[in-house]
Protein backbone atom coordinates (compact mmCIF):
# COMPACT_ATOMS: atom_id res chain seq x y z
CA UNK A 1 21.16 -70.87 -22.69
CA UNK A 2 24.13 -73.12 -21.88
CA UNK A 3 24.42 -71.51 -18.46
CA UNK A 4 20.76 -72.27 -17.72
CA UNK A 5 21.25 -75.94 -18.64
CA UNK A 6 24.30 -76.20 -16.38
CA UNK A 7 22.39 -74.62 -13.50
CA UNK A 8 19.53 -77.09 -13.99
CA UNK A 9 21.89 -80.05 -13.62
CA UNK A 10 23.77 -78.57 -10.67
CA UNK A 11 20.71 -77.79 -8.53
CA UNK A 12 20.54 -79.94 -5.35
CA UNK A 13 18.06 -82.81 -5.35
CA UNK A 14 16.18 -81.46 -2.35
CA UNK A 15 15.46 -78.20 -4.22
CA UNK A 16 14.12 -79.97 -7.30
CA UNK A 17 12.10 -82.38 -5.17
CA UNK A 18 9.97 -79.47 -3.92
CA UNK A 19 8.66 -78.81 -7.43
CA UNK A 20 9.06 -82.05 -9.42
CA UNK A 21 8.44 -85.74 -8.73
CA UNK A 22 11.07 -87.25 -11.05
CA UNK A 23 14.46 -85.63 -10.62
CA UNK A 24 15.93 -86.77 -13.95
CA UNK A 25 12.80 -85.75 -15.86
CA UNK A 26 12.84 -82.43 -14.04
CA UNK A 27 16.37 -81.65 -15.20
CA UNK A 28 15.52 -82.57 -18.79
CA UNK A 29 12.34 -80.47 -18.72
CA UNK A 30 14.17 -77.45 -17.30
CA UNK A 31 16.84 -77.76 -19.97
CA UNK A 32 14.24 -77.90 -22.77
CA UNK A 33 12.32 -74.94 -21.36
CA UNK A 34 15.49 -72.88 -21.01
CA UNK A 35 16.49 -73.73 -24.55
CA UNK A 36 13.09 -72.69 -25.96
CA UNK A 37 13.16 -69.42 -24.03
CA UNK A 38 16.68 -68.69 -25.26
CA UNK A 39 15.66 -69.34 -28.87
CA UNK A 40 12.64 -67.03 -28.50
CA UNK A 41 14.70 -64.23 -26.98
CA UNK A 42 17.34 -64.59 -29.67
CA UNK A 43 14.70 -64.39 -32.38
CA UNK A 44 13.20 -61.22 -30.84
CA UNK A 45 16.60 -59.52 -30.56
CA UNK A 46 17.46 -60.42 -34.16
CA UNK A 47 14.08 -59.19 -35.42
CA UNK A 48 14.41 -55.87 -33.59
CA UNK A 49 17.95 -55.40 -34.90
CA UNK A 50 16.85 -56.01 -38.48
CA UNK A 51 13.93 -53.60 -38.03
CA UNK A 52 16.20 -50.85 -36.69
CA UNK A 53 18.69 -51.42 -39.47
CA UNK A 54 15.93 -51.23 -42.08
CA UNK A 55 14.64 -47.95 -40.59
CA UNK A 56 18.16 -46.52 -40.60
CA UNK A 57 18.60 -47.43 -44.29
CA UNK A 58 15.22 -45.86 -45.13
CA UNK A 59 16.21 -42.61 -43.39
CA UNK A 60 19.51 -42.54 -45.23
CA UNK A 61 17.77 -43.12 -48.58
CA UNK A 62 15.23 -40.36 -47.89
CA UNK A 63 17.99 -37.95 -46.89
CA UNK A 64 19.87 -38.75 -50.11
CA UNK A 65 16.73 -38.22 -52.20
CA UNK A 66 16.08 -34.86 -50.51
CA UNK A 67 19.67 -33.80 -51.12
CA UNK A 68 19.43 -34.71 -54.81
CA UNK A 69 16.14 -32.82 -55.11
CA UNK A 70 17.47 -29.77 -53.28
CA UNK A 71 15.11 -30.23 -50.31
CA UNK A 72 16.52 -29.21 -46.94
CA UNK A 73 15.42 -30.46 -43.55
CA UNK A 74 13.27 -28.19 -41.37
CA UNK A 75 15.35 -26.02 -39.01
CA UNK A 76 15.41 -26.81 -35.31
CA UNK A 77 12.83 -25.07 -33.14
CA UNK A 78 14.10 -21.66 -32.08
CA UNK A 79 14.15 -20.41 -28.48
CA UNK A 80 10.85 -18.95 -27.18
CA UNK A 81 11.92 -15.32 -27.56
CA UNK A 82 12.72 -15.88 -31.23
CA UNK A 83 9.18 -17.15 -31.82
CA UNK A 84 7.72 -13.68 -31.36
CA UNK A 85 6.40 -12.08 -34.56
CA UNK A 86 9.08 -10.61 -36.79
CA UNK A 87 9.48 -6.87 -37.09
CA UNK A 88 6.86 -5.29 -39.37
CA UNK A 89 7.75 -3.79 -42.70
CA UNK A 90 7.28 -0.23 -41.42
CA UNK A 91 10.25 0.82 -39.29
CA UNK A 92 9.47 2.18 -35.85
CA UNK A 93 6.15 0.33 -35.52
CA UNK A 94 5.61 -2.69 -33.25
CA UNK A 95 3.85 -5.90 -34.29
CA UNK A 96 0.18 -6.15 -33.22
CA UNK A 97 0.94 -8.81 -30.59
CA UNK A 98 3.09 -6.24 -28.76
CA UNK A 99 0.28 -3.69 -28.80
CA UNK A 100 0.90 -2.12 -32.21
CA UNK A 101 2.55 0.95 -30.70
CA UNK A 102 5.03 3.15 -32.55
CA UNK A 103 8.33 4.57 -31.41
CA UNK A 104 6.86 8.07 -31.49
CA UNK A 105 4.29 7.00 -28.89
CA UNK A 106 6.76 5.46 -26.45
CA UNK A 107 9.97 7.45 -26.85
CA UNK A 108 9.06 9.41 -23.71
CA UNK A 109 9.34 6.12 -21.76
CA UNK A 110 13.00 5.64 -22.68
CA UNK A 111 15.48 6.27 -19.92
CA UNK A 112 16.94 4.95 -16.70
CA UNK A 113 14.81 3.91 -13.75
CA UNK A 114 15.44 2.64 -10.27
CA UNK A 115 13.35 -0.50 -9.78
CA UNK A 116 12.51 -1.60 -6.23
CA UNK A 117 10.31 -4.21 -4.56
CA UNK A 118 10.17 -6.14 -1.27
CA UNK A 119 12.72 -8.95 -0.99
CA UNK A 120 11.04 -12.34 -1.14
CA UNK A 121 13.15 -14.14 1.45
CA UNK A 122 13.86 -11.40 4.03
CA UNK A 123 11.01 -9.55 5.70
CA UNK A 124 11.47 -5.77 5.84
CA UNK A 125 14.22 -5.70 3.20
CA UNK A 126 13.77 -3.81 -0.09
CA UNK A 127 15.65 -4.89 -3.22
CA UNK A 128 16.61 -1.97 -5.50
CA UNK A 129 18.46 -1.95 -8.82
CA UNK A 130 18.61 -0.01 -12.09
CA UNK A 131 16.57 -0.69 -15.21
CA UNK A 132 17.09 0.83 -18.66
CA UNK A 133 14.19 1.17 -21.11
CA UNK A 134 15.34 1.53 -24.72
CA UNK A 135 13.92 1.15 -28.22
CA UNK A 136 15.54 -1.78 -30.03
CA UNK A 137 15.69 -1.26 -33.81
CA UNK A 138 16.43 -4.93 -34.52
CA UNK A 139 13.45 -6.19 -32.48
CA UNK A 140 11.40 -3.11 -33.45
CA UNK A 141 9.97 -2.72 -29.94
CA UNK A 142 10.64 -1.18 -26.56
CA UNK A 143 12.94 -3.31 -24.40
CA UNK A 144 14.23 -3.29 -20.83
CA UNK A 145 17.50 -4.36 -19.23
CA UNK A 146 18.31 -4.64 -15.54
CA UNK A 147 21.64 -3.43 -14.13
CA UNK A 148 23.53 -3.28 -10.85
CA UNK A 149 21.53 -5.97 -9.07
CA UNK A 150 22.92 -7.12 -5.74
CA UNK A 151 21.89 -10.64 -6.77
CA UNK A 152 23.52 -10.33 -10.19
CA UNK A 153 22.73 -13.93 -11.11
CA UNK A 154 19.05 -12.99 -11.44
CA UNK A 155 19.60 -10.06 -13.82
CA UNK A 156 16.89 -10.04 -16.51
CA UNK A 157 16.17 -8.40 -19.83
CA UNK A 158 13.20 -8.61 -22.16
CA UNK A 159 10.56 -6.90 -24.26
CA UNK A 160 7.74 -4.54 -23.38
CA UNK A 161 4.10 -5.08 -24.34
CA UNK A 162 1.65 -2.17 -24.25
CA UNK A 163 -2.00 -3.29 -24.42
CA UNK A 164 -4.06 -0.92 -26.51
CA UNK A 165 -6.39 1.32 -24.50
CA UNK A 166 -4.97 0.35 -21.09
CA UNK A 167 -2.61 2.56 -19.04
CA UNK A 168 -0.35 -0.36 -18.13
CA UNK A 169 2.72 -1.95 -19.68
CA UNK A 170 4.05 -5.49 -19.39
CA UNK A 171 7.78 -6.18 -19.04
CA UNK A 172 8.18 -9.80 -20.10
CA UNK A 173 11.17 -12.13 -19.82
CA UNK A 174 10.91 -15.50 -21.59
CA UNK A 175 13.55 -18.22 -21.50
CA UNK A 176 13.96 -21.93 -20.87
CA UNK A 177 10.22 -22.40 -20.48
CA UNK A 178 10.05 -19.80 -17.71
CA UNK A 179 8.23 -16.47 -17.81
CA UNK A 180 8.69 -13.49 -15.50
CA UNK A 181 6.05 -10.77 -15.74
CA UNK A 182 6.10 -7.21 -14.44
CA UNK A 183 2.87 -5.27 -14.97
CA UNK A 184 3.13 -1.58 -14.05
CA UNK A 185 1.30 1.61 -14.84
CA UNK A 186 2.59 3.74 -17.68
CA UNK A 187 4.48 6.59 -15.99
CA UNK A 188 3.19 10.07 -16.79
CA UNK A 189 5.54 13.05 -16.42
CA UNK A 190 7.20 12.66 -13.00
CA UNK A 191 4.94 9.85 -11.78
CA UNK A 192 6.50 6.47 -10.98
CA UNK A 193 5.37 3.27 -12.69
CA UNK A 194 3.60 1.09 -10.09
CA UNK A 195 2.27 -2.45 -10.23
CA UNK A 196 3.08 -6.09 -9.49
CA UNK A 197 5.82 -8.58 -10.32
CA UNK A 198 5.04 -12.28 -10.81
CA UNK A 199 8.00 -14.65 -10.76
CA UNK A 200 9.51 -17.68 -8.98
CA UNK A 201 11.33 -17.52 -5.67
CA UNK A 202 13.62 -20.18 -4.21
CA UNK A 203 13.72 -19.51 -0.47
CA UNK A 204 15.22 -22.92 0.32
CA UNK A 205 17.75 -23.99 -2.29
CA UNK A 206 16.17 -25.86 -5.19
CA UNK A 207 12.58 -25.50 -3.98
CA UNK A 208 10.86 -22.88 -6.17
CA UNK A 209 7.57 -21.16 -5.32
CA UNK A 210 5.50 -18.68 -7.35
CA UNK A 211 5.89 -15.24 -5.78
CA UNK A 212 4.15 -11.92 -6.31
CA UNK A 213 4.95 -8.51 -4.81
CA UNK A 214 4.42 -4.78 -5.40
CA UNK A 215 7.04 -3.15 -7.57
CA UNK A 216 7.85 0.46 -8.53
CA UNK A 217 9.92 1.98 -11.35
CA UNK A 218 11.02 5.55 -10.55
CA UNK A 219 12.79 7.58 -13.22
CA UNK A 220 16.37 8.54 -12.38
CA UNK A 221 16.85 12.25 -13.04
CA UNK A 222 19.88 13.70 -11.29
CA UNK A 223 21.39 11.30 -8.77
CA UNK A 224 21.32 7.50 -8.63
CA UNK A 225 19.48 6.51 -5.43
CA UNK A 226 20.56 3.77 -3.07
CA UNK A 227 20.82 0.32 -4.66
CA UNK A 228 21.14 -3.20 -3.31
CA UNK A 229 19.31 -4.75 -0.36
CA UNK A 230 17.99 -1.72 1.56
CA UNK A 231 17.36 -2.16 5.28
CA UNK A 232 15.28 -0.04 7.67
CA UNK A 233 17.09 3.12 8.63
CA UNK A 234 18.94 3.50 5.32
CA UNK A 235 18.65 6.93 3.62
CA UNK A 236 16.22 5.92 0.83
CA UNK A 237 14.40 3.16 2.70
CA UNK A 238 11.37 5.18 3.84
CA UNK A 239 10.71 6.76 0.42
CA UNK A 240 10.90 3.30 -1.18
CA UNK A 241 8.58 1.86 1.44
CA UNK A 242 5.98 4.60 1.01
CA UNK A 243 5.87 4.18 -2.76
CA UNK A 244 5.47 0.41 -2.42
CA UNK A 245 2.68 0.93 0.09
CA UNK A 246 0.90 3.22 -2.40
CA UNK A 247 0.66 0.43 -5.01
CA UNK A 248 -2.56 -0.98 -3.52
CA UNK A 249 -5.32 -0.81 -4.40
CA UNK A 250 -5.17 1.41 -7.48
CA UNK A 251 -2.18 -0.23 -9.19
CA UNK A 252 -2.39 -3.82 -7.92
CA UNK A 253 -4.03 -6.02 -5.33
CA UNK A 254 -4.56 -9.64 -4.28
CA UNK A 255 -8.01 -11.19 -3.89
CA UNK A 256 -7.80 -13.17 -0.66
CA UNK A 257 -9.30 -16.63 -0.17
CA UNK A 258 -12.87 -16.62 1.23
CA UNK A 259 -13.02 -16.84 5.02
CA UNK A 260 -15.17 -19.48 6.80
CA UNK A 261 -18.55 -18.18 7.92
CA UNK A 262 -20.52 -19.78 10.77
CA UNK A 263 -22.80 -19.20 13.74
CA UNK A 264 -24.63 -15.88 13.81
CA UNK A 265 -22.68 -14.67 10.78
CA UNK A 266 -23.92 -17.49 8.55
CA UNK A 267 -25.52 -16.27 5.37
CA UNK A 268 -24.02 -12.76 5.67
CA UNK A 269 -21.78 -11.65 2.83
CA UNK A 270 -18.44 -10.26 3.90
CA UNK A 271 -17.34 -6.96 2.42
CA UNK A 272 -14.65 -7.42 -0.29
CA UNK A 273 -11.15 -6.70 1.02
CA UNK A 274 -7.94 -5.94 -0.84
CA UNK A 275 -4.64 -7.26 0.43
CA UNK A 276 -1.06 -7.01 -0.78
CA UNK A 277 2.22 -8.64 0.14
CA UNK A 278 4.42 -6.05 1.84
């Protein structure tokens, strides 16, 4: 407030003359206005301080009362994966939200697979890595874990959901608000698991884009096939490519956006087409 008064008296006459007729009255009026504003601001700051202090004392008193009564505060919210239903009382049986399957029904799915899909940022390249499917007693469900990825920083693990009455399984990773979903067919005997992966891709640094692609899980029996970023001409490239090509349309497809219709074709319905990122 004192600084405002000093400024009012130090302002040049020509500046004050633009806004006031009497220079002396102008300086007095500015000083009074500055003083009133300062008092108002000081009152607001003091009132807010007292309010905060009162709230802090109330919280402390409530905490003390709860401690004396043996009441504990609610625990912090757990990570998303820990919010899944707890394991059921019967061992070897999954919670209904996972599909209600039992270990006896899925033990044939356990094992090591080679997982491969098209690379998102490089056309013609196939990304291949290992994936283990195992029953987790603690979580009481089937789980998956990726291994030997060329891009090791993107290695994922998660839980497997098997919808009742559908021949597909969902490999789900949840963390930090993000979800990655792989939906593939349930492999029978020597058949591969085929389907789609839905995730985020960052082709240009920090810019992320939803991405979807065909994906295949082939059981590893005797030898471990080629892993990493597989380029055309590599030993396992053509077998990988053929299996990815076989995903559509039975195991996954994209519905394309409607095409514009005009001229002689107006009013004619176009035959549905299936398309897939390759």
